[in-house]
Amino acid sequence: LSSGHIPGSVSVPVPELLDPNTKTFLPPSELGALFKKKGIDPSKPIISSCGTGVTATVIDAALEKAGYSPEERRKVYDGSWTEWAQRVQPEESLIQKSQR
């Protein structure tokens, strides 16, 4: 698989969603503030993804707990990066590389 990211994606590492001591979700207001700080627009569709589709469900659960976006605007891309990187062709420019 190629490395990179899906165009328009925003990185939300799961540890940022959790209280460092209890390892449970942050309170809803803190989750909402984190999503806002990341530039995630709750008025637009939100598609959670990750490497294999498992962690994406945790992100979606945090969005739900925060009341950040209505369920009908949220989706989980269960194929996530594994599927994306296998399906797109290089000439499509749908894998973006980080600038170093």
PDB file of N, CA and C in Angstrom:
ATOM      1  N   LEU A   1       0.831  -1.194   0.000  1.00  0.00           N
ATOM      2  CA  LEU A   1       0.000   0.000   0.000  1.00  0.00           C
ATOM      3  C   LEU A   1       0.866   1.243   0.000  1.00  0.00           C
ATOM      4  N   SER A   2       0.350   2.275  -0.602  1.00  0.00           N
ATOM      5  CA  SER A   2       1.034   3.560  -0.605  1.00  0.00           C
ATOM      6  C   SER A   2       0.717   4.311   0.692  1.00  0.00           C
ATOM      7  N   SER A   3       1.621   5.172   1.097  1.00  0.00           N
ATOM      8  CA  SER A   3       1.336   6.037   2.247  1.00  0.00           C
ATOM      9  C   SER A   3       0.769   7.352   1.728  1.00  0.00           C
ATOM     10  N   GLY A   4       0.136   8.106   2.610  1.00  0.00           N
ATOM     11  CA  GLY A   4      -0.438   9.396   2.240  1.00  0.00           C
ATOM     12  C   GLY A   4      -1.749   9.605   2.967  1.00  0.00           C
ATOM     13  N   HIS A   5      -2.602  10.470   2.399  1.00  0.00           N
ATOM     14  CA  HIS A   5      -3.922  10.667   2.994  1.00  0.00           C
ATOM     15  C   HIS A   5      -4.951  10.982   1.923  1.00  0.00           C
ATOM     16  N   ILE A   6      -6.198  10.786   2.270  1.00  0.00           N
ATOM     17  CA  ILE A   6      -7.314  11.055   1.376  1.00  0.00           C
ATOM     18  C   ILE A   6      -7.483  12.570   1.292  1.00  0.00           C
ATOM     19  N   PRO A   7      -7.605  13.132   0.069  1.00  0.00           N
ATOM     20  CA  PRO A   7      -7.782  14.582  -0.053  1.00  0.00           C
ATOM     21  C   PRO A   7      -8.953  15.085   0.794  1.00  0.00           C
ATOM     22  N   GLY A   8      -8.739  16.189   1.495  1.00  0.00           N
ATOM     23  CA  GLY A   8      -9.769  16.791   2.329  1.00  0.00           C
ATOM     24  C   GLY A   8      -9.895  16.176   3.705  1.00  0.00           C
ATOM     25  N   SER A   9      -9.099  15.139   3.969  1.00  0.00           N
ATOM     26  CA  SER A   9      -9.202  14.487   5.278  1.00  0.00           C
ATOM     27  C   SER A   9      -8.527  15.316   6.366  1.00  0.00           C
ATOM     28  N   VAL A  10      -8.968  15.095   7.587  1.00  0.00           N
ATOM     29  CA  VAL A  10      -8.437  15.774   8.767  1.00  0.00           C
ATOM     30  C   VAL A  10      -8.037  14.694   9.762  1.00  0.00           C
ATOM     31  N   SER A  11      -6.838  14.782  10.285  1.00  0.00           N
ATOM     32  CA  SER A  11      -6.365  13.786  11.244  1.00  0.00           C
ATOM     33  C   SER A  11      -6.931  14.065  12.637  1.00  0.00           C
ATOM     34  N   VAL A  12      -7.604  13.066  13.194  1.00  0.00           N
ATOM     35  CA  VAL A  12      -8.109  13.138  14.561  1.00  0.00           C
ATOM     36  C   VAL A  12      -7.663  11.853  15.273  1.00  0.00           C
ATOM     37  N   PRO A  13      -6.468  11.864  15.838  1.00  0.00           N
ATOM     38  CA  PRO A  13      -6.001  10.662  16.538  1.00  0.00           C
ATOM     39  C   PRO A  13      -6.885  10.339  17.747  1.00  0.00           C
ATOM     40  N   VAL A  14      -7.220   9.079  17.904  1.00  0.00           N
ATOM     41  CA  VAL A  14      -8.102   8.655  18.989  1.00  0.00           C
ATOM     42  C   VAL A  14      -7.609   9.106  20.365  1.00  0.00           C
ATOM     43  N   PRO A  15      -6.309   9.041  20.676  1.00  0.00           N
ATOM     44  CA  PRO A  15      -5.886   9.492  22.009  1.00  0.00           C
ATOM     45  C   PRO A  15      -6.302  10.928  22.345  1.00  0.00           C
ATOM     46  N   GLU A  16      -6.470  11.773  21.328  1.00  0.00           N
ATOM     47  CA  GLU A  16      -6.911  13.149  21.574  1.00  0.00           C
ATOM     48  C   GLU A  16      -8.361  13.204  22.049  1.00  0.00           C
ATOM     49  N   LEU A  17      -9.128  12.157  21.790  1.00  0.00           N
ATOM     50  CA  LEU A  17     -10.537  12.106  22.167  1.00  0.00           C
ATOM     51  C   LEU A  17     -10.745  11.596  23.592  1.00  0.00           C
ATOM     52  N   LEU A  18      -9.660  11.123  24.194  1.00  0.00           N
ATOM     53  CA  LEU A  18      -9.763  10.436  25.480  1.00  0.00           C
ATOM     54  C   LEU A  18      -9.134  11.201  26.627  1.00  0.00           C
ATOM     55  N   ASP A  19      -9.724  11.052  27.803  1.00  0.00           N
ATOM     56  CA  ASP A  19      -9.137  11.578  29.023  1.00  0.00           C
ATOM     57  C   ASP A  19      -7.839  10.798  29.269  1.00  0.00           C
ATOM     58  N   PRO A  20      -6.720  11.484  29.492  1.00  0.00           N
ATOM     59  CA  PRO A  20      -5.447  10.778  29.640  1.00  0.00           C
ATOM     60  C   PRO A  20      -5.375   9.862  30.861  1.00  0.00           C
ATOM     61  N   ASN A  21      -6.173  10.127  31.879  1.00  0.00           N
ATOM     62  CA  ASN A  21      -6.143   9.299  33.084  1.00  0.00           C
ATOM     63  C   ASN A  21      -7.106   8.121  33.031  1.00  0.00           C
ATOM     64  N   THR A  22      -8.333   8.381  32.609  1.00  0.00           N
ATOM     65  CA  THR A  22      -9.355   7.329  32.635  1.00  0.00           C
ATOM     66  C   THR A  22      -9.460   6.561  31.324  1.00  0.00           C
ATOM     67  N   LYS A  23      -8.922   7.142  30.256  1.00  0.00           N
ATOM     68  CA  LYS A  23      -9.000   6.544  28.904  1.00  0.00           C
ATOM     69  C   LYS A  23     -10.438   6.422  28.412  1.00  0.00           C
ATOM     70  N   THR A  24     -11.334   7.235  28.982  1.00  0.00           N
ATOM     71  CA  THR A  24     -12.706   7.316  28.495  1.00  0.00           C
ATOM     72  C   THR A  24     -12.821   8.590  27.657  1.00  0.00           C
ATOM     73  N   PHE A  25     -13.929   8.699  26.910  1.00  0.00           N
ATOM     74  CA  PHE A  25     -14.120   9.905  26.106  1.00  0.00           C
ATOM     75  C   PHE A  25     -14.076  11.156  26.964  1.00  0.00           C
ATOM     76  N   LEU A  26     -13.560  12.216  26.381  1.00  0.00           N
ATOM     77  CA  LEU A  26     -13.637  13.535  27.011  1.00  0.00           C
ATOM     78  C   LEU A  26     -15.113  13.920  27.134  1.00  0.00           C
ATOM     79  N   PRO A  27     -15.430  14.905  27.973  1.00  0.00           N
ATOM     80  CA  PRO A  27     -16.815  15.377  28.050  1.00  0.00           C
ATOM     81  C   PRO A  27     -17.274  15.920  26.690  1.00  0.00           C
ATOM     82  N   PRO A  28     -18.578  15.866  26.414  1.00  0.00           N
ATOM     83  CA  PRO A  28     -19.088  16.321  25.122  1.00  0.00           C
ATOM     84  C   PRO A  28     -18.623  17.714  24.706  1.00  0.00           C
ATOM     85  N   SER A  29     -18.595  18.650  25.637  1.00  0.00           N
ATOM     86  CA  SER A  29     -18.182  20.011  25.269  1.00  0.00           C
ATOM     87  C   SER A  29     -16.726  20.059  24.813  1.00  0.00           C
ATOM     88  N   GLU A  30     -15.870  19.260  25.447  1.00  0.00           N
ATOM     89  CA  GLU A  30     -14.455  19.220  25.049  1.00  0.00           C
ATOM     90  C   GLU A  30     -14.282  18.520  23.704  1.00  0.00           C
ATOM     91  N   LEU A  31     -15.055  17.472  23.482  1.00  0.00           N
ATOM     92  CA  LEU A  31     -15.003  16.803  22.177  1.00  0.00           C
ATOM     93  C   LEU A  31     -15.432  17.770  21.078  1.00  0.00           C
ATOM     94  N   GLY A  32     -16.524  18.477  21.315  1.00  0.00           N
ATOM     95  CA  GLY A  32     -17.001  19.444  20.329  1.00  0.00           C
ATOM     96  C   GLY A  32     -15.971  20.516  20.035  1.00  0.00           C
ATOM     97  N   ALA A  33     -15.312  21.014  21.089  1.00  0.00           N
ATOM     98  CA  ALA A  33     -14.272  22.039  20.908  1.00  0.00           C
ATOM     99  C   ALA A  33     -13.098  21.481  20.104  1.00  0.00           C
ATOM    100  N   LEU A  34     -12.746  20.231  20.343  1.00  0.00           N
ATOM    101  CA  LEU A  34     -11.645  19.602  19.610  1.00  0.00           C
ATOM    102  C   LEU A  34     -11.993  19.478  18.128  1.00  0.00           C
ATOM    103  N   PHE A  35     -13.200  18.999  17.823  1.00  0.00           N
ATOM    104  CA  PHE A  35     -13.607  18.869  16.422  1.00  0.00           C
ATOM    105  C   PHE A  35     -13.649  20.240  15.741  1.00  0.00           C
ATOM    106  N   LYS A  36     -14.126  21.234  16.447  1.00  0.00           N
ATOM    107  CA  LYS A  36     -14.165  22.589  15.891  1.00  0.00           C
ATOM    108  C   LYS A  36     -12.749  23.089  15.626  1.00  0.00           C
ATOM    109  N   LYS A  37     -11.842  22.890  16.581  1.00  0.00           N
ATOM    110  CA  LYS A  37     -10.447  23.319  16.434  1.00  0.00           C
ATOM    111  C   LYS A  37      -9.786  22.637  15.233  1.00  0.00           C
ATOM    112  N   LYS A  38     -10.179  21.400  14.960  1.00  0.00           N
ATOM    113  CA  LYS A  38      -9.632  20.659  13.819  1.00  0.00           C
ATOM    114  C   LYS A  38     -10.215  21.136  12.489  1.00  0.00           C
ATOM    115  N   GLY A  39     -11.224  22.009  12.559  1.00  0.00           N
ATOM    116  CA  GLY A  39     -11.822  22.541  11.336  1.00  0.00           C
ATOM    117  C   GLY A  39     -12.888  21.652  10.728  1.00  0.00           C
ATOM    118  N   ILE A  40     -13.449  20.765  11.533  1.00  0.00           N
ATOM    119  CA  ILE A  40     -14.498  19.872  11.037  1.00  0.00           C
ATOM    120  C   ILE A  40     -15.830  20.617  11.093  1.00  0.00           C
ATOM    121  N   ASP A  41     -16.457  20.774   9.931  1.00  0.00           N
ATOM    122  CA  ASP A  41     -17.693  21.537   9.804  1.00  0.00           C
ATOM    123  C   ASP A  41     -18.888  20.608  10.032  1.00  0.00           C
ATOM    124  N   PRO A  42     -19.618  20.794  11.136  1.00  0.00           N
ATOM    125  CA  PRO A  42     -20.742  19.895  11.425  1.00  0.00           C
ATOM    126  C   PRO A  42     -21.921  20.055  10.467  1.00  0.00           C
ATOM    127  N   SER A  43     -21.925  21.111   9.646  1.00  0.00           N
ATOM    128  CA  SER A  43     -23.016  21.295   8.697  1.00  0.00           C
ATOM    129  C   SER A  43     -22.776  20.534   7.389  1.00  0.00           C
ATOM    130  N   LYS A  44     -21.586  19.956   7.251  1.00  0.00           N
ATOM    131  CA  LYS A  44     -21.247  19.188   6.048  1.00  0.00           C
ATOM    132  C   LYS A  44     -21.177  17.705   6.404  1.00  0.00           C
ATOM    133  N   PRO A  45     -21.280  16.838   5.396  1.00  0.00           N
ATOM    134  CA  PRO A  45     -21.121  15.403   5.687  1.00  0.00           C
ATOM    135  C   PRO A  45     -19.752  15.120   6.305  1.00  0.00           C
ATOM    136  N   ILE A  46     -19.722  14.234   7.275  1.00  0.00           N
ATOM    137  CA  ILE A  46     -18.479  13.835   7.930  1.00  0.00           C
ATOM    138  C   ILE A  46     -18.310  12.338   7.709  1.00  0.00           C
ATOM    139  N   ILE A  47     -17.184  11.967   7.121  1.00  0.00           N
ATOM    140  CA  ILE A  47     -16.893  10.558   6.852  1.00  0.00           C
ATOM    141  C   ILE A  47     -15.671  10.177   7.675  1.00  0.00           C
ATOM    142  N   SER A  48     -15.861   9.318   8.654  1.00  0.00           N
ATOM    143  CA  SER A  48     -14.756   8.868   9.500  1.00  0.00           C
ATOM    144  C   SER A  48     -14.050   7.702   8.821  1.00  0.00           C
ATOM    145  N   SER A  49     -12.729   7.765   8.829  1.00  0.00           N
ATOM    146  CA  SER A  49     -11.929   6.678   8.275  1.00  0.00           C
ATOM    147  C   SER A  49     -10.682   6.513   9.127  1.00  0.00           C
ATOM    148  N   CYS A  50      -9.952   5.457   8.861  1.00  0.00           N
ATOM    149  CA  CYS A  50      -8.698   5.198   9.584  1.00  0.00           C
ATOM    150  C   CYS A  50      -7.856   4.281   8.709  1.00  0.00           C
ATOM    151  N   GLY A  51      -7.107   3.399   9.292  1.00  0.00           N
ATOM    152  CA  GLY A  51      -6.293   2.485   8.508  1.00  0.00           C
ATOM    153  C   GLY A  51      -7.073   1.301   7.971  1.00  0.00           C
ATOM    154  N   THR A  52      -7.930   0.721   8.811  1.00  0.00           N
ATOM    155  CA  THR A  52      -8.657  -0.488   8.416  1.00  0.00           C
ATOM    156  C   THR A  52     -10.158  -0.414   8.653  1.00  0.00           C
ATOM    157  N   GLY A  53     -10.659   0.654   9.235  1.00  0.00           N
ATOM    158  CA  GLY A  53     -12.096   0.809   9.473  1.00  0.00           C
ATOM    159  C   GLY A  53     -12.519   0.643  10.907  1.00  0.00           C
ATOM    160  N   VAL A  54     -11.658   0.109  11.759  1.00  0.00           N
ATOM    161  CA  VAL A  54     -12.032  -0.144  13.150  1.00  0.00           C
ATOM    162  C   VAL A  54     -12.025   1.147  13.965  1.00  0.00           C
ATOM    163  N   THR A  55     -10.944   1.887  13.911  1.00  0.00           N
ATOM    164  CA  THR A  55     -10.823   3.119  14.696  1.00  0.00           C
ATOM    165  C   THR A  55     -11.818   4.180  14.237  1.00  0.00           C
ATOM    166  N   ALA A  56     -12.214   4.135  12.976  1.00  0.00           N
ATOM    167  CA  ALA A  56     -13.192   5.099  12.460  1.00  0.00           C
ATOM    168  C   ALA A  56     -14.491   5.057  13.259  1.00  0.00           C
ATOM    169  N   THR A  57     -14.854   3.886  13.754  1.00  0.00           N
ATOM    170  CA  THR A  57     -16.081   3.778  14.543  1.00  0.00           C
ATOM    171  C   THR A  57     -15.935   4.478  15.892  1.00  0.00           C
ATOM    172  N   VAL A  58     -14.730   4.509  16.436  1.00  0.00           N
ATOM    173  CA  VAL A  58     -14.488   5.216  17.691  1.00  0.00           C
ATOM    174  C   VAL A  58     -14.649   6.723  17.454  1.00  0.00           C
ATOM    175  N   ILE A  59     -14.130   7.208  16.337  1.00  0.00           N
ATOM    176  CA  ILE A  59     -14.263   8.627  16.001  1.00  0.00           C
ATOM    177  C   ILE A  59     -15.738   8.980  15.827  1.00  0.00           C
ATOM    178  N   ASP A  60     -16.479   8.125  15.130  1.00  0.00           N
ATOM    179  CA  ASP A  60     -17.903   8.377  14.940  1.00  0.00           C
ATOM    180  C   ASP A  60     -18.648   8.378  16.274  1.00  0.00           C
ATOM    181  N   ALA A  61     -18.275   7.478  17.177  1.00  0.00           N
ATOM    182  CA  ALA A  61     -18.902   7.449  18.503  1.00  0.00           C
ATOM    183  C   ALA A  61     -18.610   8.743  19.264  1.00  0.00           C
ATOM    184  N   ALA A  62     -17.410   9.279  19.114  1.00  0.00           N
ATOM    185  CA  ALA A  62     -17.072  10.546  19.774  1.00  0.00           C
ATOM    186  C   ALA A  62     -17.882  11.698  19.180  1.00  0.00           C
ATOM    187  N   LEU A  63     -18.082  11.687  17.870  1.00  0.00           N
ATOM    188  CA  LEU A  63     -18.929  12.706  17.233  1.00  0.00           C
ATOM    189  C   LEU A  63     -20.349  12.618  17.780  1.00  0.00           C
ATOM    190  N   GLU A  64     -20.837  11.398  17.944  1.00  0.00           N
ATOM    191  CA  GLU A  64     -22.184  11.177  18.503  1.00  0.00           C
ATOM    192  C   GLU A  64     -22.265  11.687  19.940  1.00  0.00           C
ATOM    193  N   LYS A  65     -21.285  11.325  20.748  1.00  0.00           N
ATOM    194  CA  LYS A  65     -21.279  11.737  22.160  1.00  0.00           C
ATOM    195  C   LYS A  65     -21.257  13.253  22.279  1.00  0.00           C
ATOM    196  N   ALA A  66     -20.509  13.899  21.378  1.00  0.00           N
ATOM    197  CA  ALA A  66     -20.407  15.356  21.403  1.00  0.00           C
ATOM    198  C   ALA A  66     -21.663  16.022  20.850  1.00  0.00           C
ATOM    199  N   GLY A  67     -22.523  15.249  20.182  1.00  0.00           N
ATOM    200  CA  GLY A  67     -23.679  15.861  19.523  1.00  0.00           C
ATOM    201  C   GLY A  67     -23.222  16.813  18.440  1.00  0.00           C
ATOM    202  N   TYR A  68     -22.086  16.488  17.837  1.00  0.00           N
ATOM    203  CA  TYR A  68     -21.431  17.433  16.928  1.00  0.00           C
ATOM    204  C   TYR A  68     -22.066  17.506  15.554  1.00  0.00           C
ATOM    205  N   SER A  69     -22.622  16.435  15.081  1.00  0.00           N
ATOM    206  CA  SER A  69     -23.224  16.398  13.757  1.00  0.00           C
ATOM    207  C   SER A  69     -24.345  15.370  13.782  1.00  0.00           C
ATOM    208  N   PRO A  70     -25.473  15.660  13.121  1.00  0.00           N
ATOM    209  CA  PRO A  70     -26.571  14.685  13.117  1.00  0.00           C
ATOM    210  C   PRO A  70     -26.135  13.364  12.481  1.00  0.00           C
ATOM    211  N   GLU A  71     -26.683  12.286  12.978  1.00  0.00           N
ATOM    212  CA  GLU A  71     -26.319  10.951  12.490  1.00  0.00           C
ATOM    213  C   GLU A  71     -26.454  10.829  10.976  1.00  0.00           C
ATOM    214  N   GLU A  72     -27.469  11.457  10.397  1.00  0.00           N
ATOM    215  CA  GLU A  72     -27.682  11.326   8.946  1.00  0.00           C
ATOM    216  C   GLU A  72     -26.579  12.021   8.131  1.00  0.00           C
ATOM    217  N   ARG A  73     -25.775  12.872   8.745  1.00  0.00           N
ATOM    218  CA  ARG A  73     -24.650  13.513   8.051  1.00  0.00           C
ATOM    219  C   ARG A  73     -23.326  12.813   8.306  1.00  0.00           C
ATOM    220  N   ARG A  74     -23.335  11.781   9.154  1.00  0.00           N
ATOM    221  CA  ARG A  74     -22.099  11.070   9.487  1.00  0.00           C
ATOM    222  C   ARG A  74     -22.090   9.686   8.862  1.00  0.00           C
ATOM    223  N   LYS A  75     -20.943   9.307   8.344  1.00  0.00           N
ATOM    224  CA  LYS A  75     -20.756   7.968   7.785  1.00  0.00           C
ATOM    225  C   LYS A  75     -19.411   7.432   8.256  1.00  0.00           C
ATOM    226  N   VAL A  76     -19.290   6.116   8.275  1.00  0.00           N
ATOM    227  CA  VAL A  76     -18.014   5.453   8.558  1.00  0.00           C
ATOM    228  C   VAL A  76     -17.590   4.762   7.268  1.00  0.00           C
ATOM    229  N   TYR A  77     -16.416   5.117   6.782  1.00  0.00           N
ATOM    230  CA  TYR A  77     -15.858   4.451   5.601  1.00  0.00           C
ATOM    231  C   TYR A  77     -15.124   3.222   6.110  1.00  0.00           C
ATOM    232  N   ASP A  78     -15.821   2.095   6.112  1.00  0.00           N
ATOM    233  CA  ASP A  78     -15.254   0.901   6.735  1.00  0.00           C
ATOM    234  C   ASP A  78     -14.088   0.309   5.957  1.00  0.00           C
ATOM    235  N   GLY A  79     -13.964   0.600   4.679  1.00  0.00           N
ATOM    236  CA  GLY A  79     -12.801   0.148   3.923  1.00  0.00           C
ATOM    237  C   GLY A  79     -11.562   0.957   4.273  1.00  0.00           C
ATOM    238  N   SER A  80     -11.793   2.188   4.674  1.00  0.00           N
ATOM    239  CA  SER A  80     -10.768   3.131   5.115  1.00  0.00           C
ATOM    240  C   SER A  80      -9.535   3.124   4.216  1.00  0.00           C
ATOM    241  N   TRP A  81      -8.379   3.438   4.797  1.00  0.00           N
ATOM    242  CA  TRP A  81      -7.172   3.622   3.998  1.00  0.00           C
ATOM    243  C   TRP A  81      -6.804   2.369   3.214  1.00  0.00           C
ATOM    244  N   THR A  82      -6.977   1.211   3.791  1.00  0.00           N
ATOM    245  CA  THR A  82      -6.597  -0.030   3.110  1.00  0.00           C
ATOM    246  C   THR A  82      -7.315  -0.139   1.767  1.00  0.00           C
ATOM    247  N   GLU A  83      -8.602   0.085   1.751  1.00  0.00           N
ATOM    248  CA  GLU A  83      -9.357   0.012   0.498  1.00  0.00           C
ATOM    249  C   GLU A  83      -9.005   1.175  -0.421  1.00  0.00           C
ATOM    250  N   TRP A  84      -8.975   2.379   0.119  1.00  0.00           N
ATOM    251  CA  TRP A  84      -8.708   3.577  -0.688  1.00  0.00           C
ATOM    252  C   TRP A  84      -7.399   3.445  -1.456  1.00  0.00           C
ATOM    253  N   ALA A  85      -6.332   3.089  -0.768  1.00  0.00           N
ATOM    254  CA  ALA A  85      -5.015   3.012  -1.390  1.00  0.00           C
ATOM    255  C   ALA A  85      -4.929   1.886  -2.420  1.00  0.00           C
ATOM    256  N   GLN A  86      -5.735   0.849  -2.260  1.00  0.00           N
ATOM    257  CA  GLN A  86      -5.733  -0.244  -3.232  1.00  0.00           C
ATOM    258  C   GLN A  86      -6.554   0.073  -4.474  1.00  0.00           C
ATOM    259  N   ARG A  87      -7.561   0.919  -4.329  1.00  0.00           N
ATOM    260  CA  ARG A  87      -8.500   1.153  -5.428  1.00  0.00           C
ATOM    261  C   ARG A  87      -8.118   2.309  -6.337  1.00  0.00           C
ATOM    262  N   VAL A  88      -7.503   3.349  -5.817  1.00  0.00           N
ATOM    263  CA  VAL A  88      -7.226   4.517  -6.649  1.00  0.00           C
ATOM    264  C   VAL A  88      -5.974   4.296  -7.493  1.00  0.00           C
ATOM    265  N   GLN A  89      -5.954   4.954  -8.625  1.00  0.00           N
ATOM    266  CA  GLN A  89      -4.821   4.882  -9.538  1.00  0.00           C
ATOM    267  C   GLN A  89      -3.954   6.137  -9.372  1.00  0.00           C
ATOM    268  N   PRO A  90      -2.633   6.023  -9.525  1.00  0.00           N
ATOM    269  CA  PRO A  90      -1.751   7.183  -9.333  1.00  0.00           C
ATOM    270  C   PRO A  90      -2.154   8.403 -10.157  1.00  0.00           C
ATOM    271  N   GLU A  91      -2.618   8.201 -11.378  1.00  0.00           N
ATOM    272  CA  GLU A  91      -2.988   9.331 -12.237  1.00  0.00           C
ATOM    273  C   GLU A  91      -4.239  10.070 -11.754  1.00  0.00           C
ATOM    274  N   GLU A  92      -4.966   9.484 -10.805  1.00  0.00           N
ATOM    275  CA  GLU A  92      -6.157  10.141 -10.270  1.00  0.00           C
ATOM    276  C   GLU A  92      -5.824  11.195  -9.224  1.00  0.00           C
ATOM    277  N   SER A  93      -4.590  11.198  -8.729  1.00  0.00           N
ATOM    278  CA  SER A  93      -4.141  12.159  -7.701  1.00  0.00           C
ATOM    279  C   SER A  93      -5.023  12.125  -6.457  1.00  0.00           C
ATOM    280  N   LEU A  94      -5.486  10.948  -6.077  1.00  0.00           N
ATOM    281  CA  LEU A  94      -6.359  10.819  -4.910  1.00  0.00           C
ATOM    282  C   LEU A  94      -5.633  10.303  -3.677  1.00  0.00           C
ATOM    283  N   ILE A  95      -4.311  10.235  -3.749  1.00  0.00           N
ATOM    284  CA  ILE A  95      -3.483   9.964  -2.580  1.00  0.00           C
ATOM    285  C   ILE A  95      -2.538  11.150  -2.456  1.00  0.00           C
ATOM    286  N   GLN A  96      -2.697  11.890  -1.364  1.00  0.00           N
ATOM    287  CA  GLN A  96      -1.861  13.058  -1.147  1.00  0.00           C
ATOM    288  C   GLN A  96      -0.721  12.695  -0.196  1.00  0.00           C
ATOM    289  N   LYS A  97       0.461  13.144  -0.563  1.00  0.00           N
ATOM    290  CA  LYS A  97       1.652  12.904   0.261  1.00  0.00           C
ATOM    291  C   LYS A  97       1.893  14.130   1.124  1.00  0.00           C
ATOM    292  N   SER A  98       2.358  13.898   2.342  1.00  0.00           N
ATOM    293  CA  SER A  98       2.713  15.002   3.240  1.00  0.00           C
ATOM    294  C   SER A  98       3.977  15.673   2.733  1.00  0.00           C
ATOM    295  N   GLN A  99       4.030  16.975   2.908  1.00  0.00           N
ATOM    296  CA  GLN A  99       5.232  17.725   2.546  1.00  0.00           C
ATOM    297  C   GLN A  99       6.207  17.645   3.700  1.00  0.00           C
ATOM    298  N   ARG A 100       7.436  17.290   3.444  1.00  0.00           N
ATOM    299  CA  ARG A 100       8.445  17.204   4.510  1.00  0.00           C
ATOM    300  C   ARG A 100       9.380  18.355   4.453  1.00  0.00           C
TER     301      ARG A 100
END
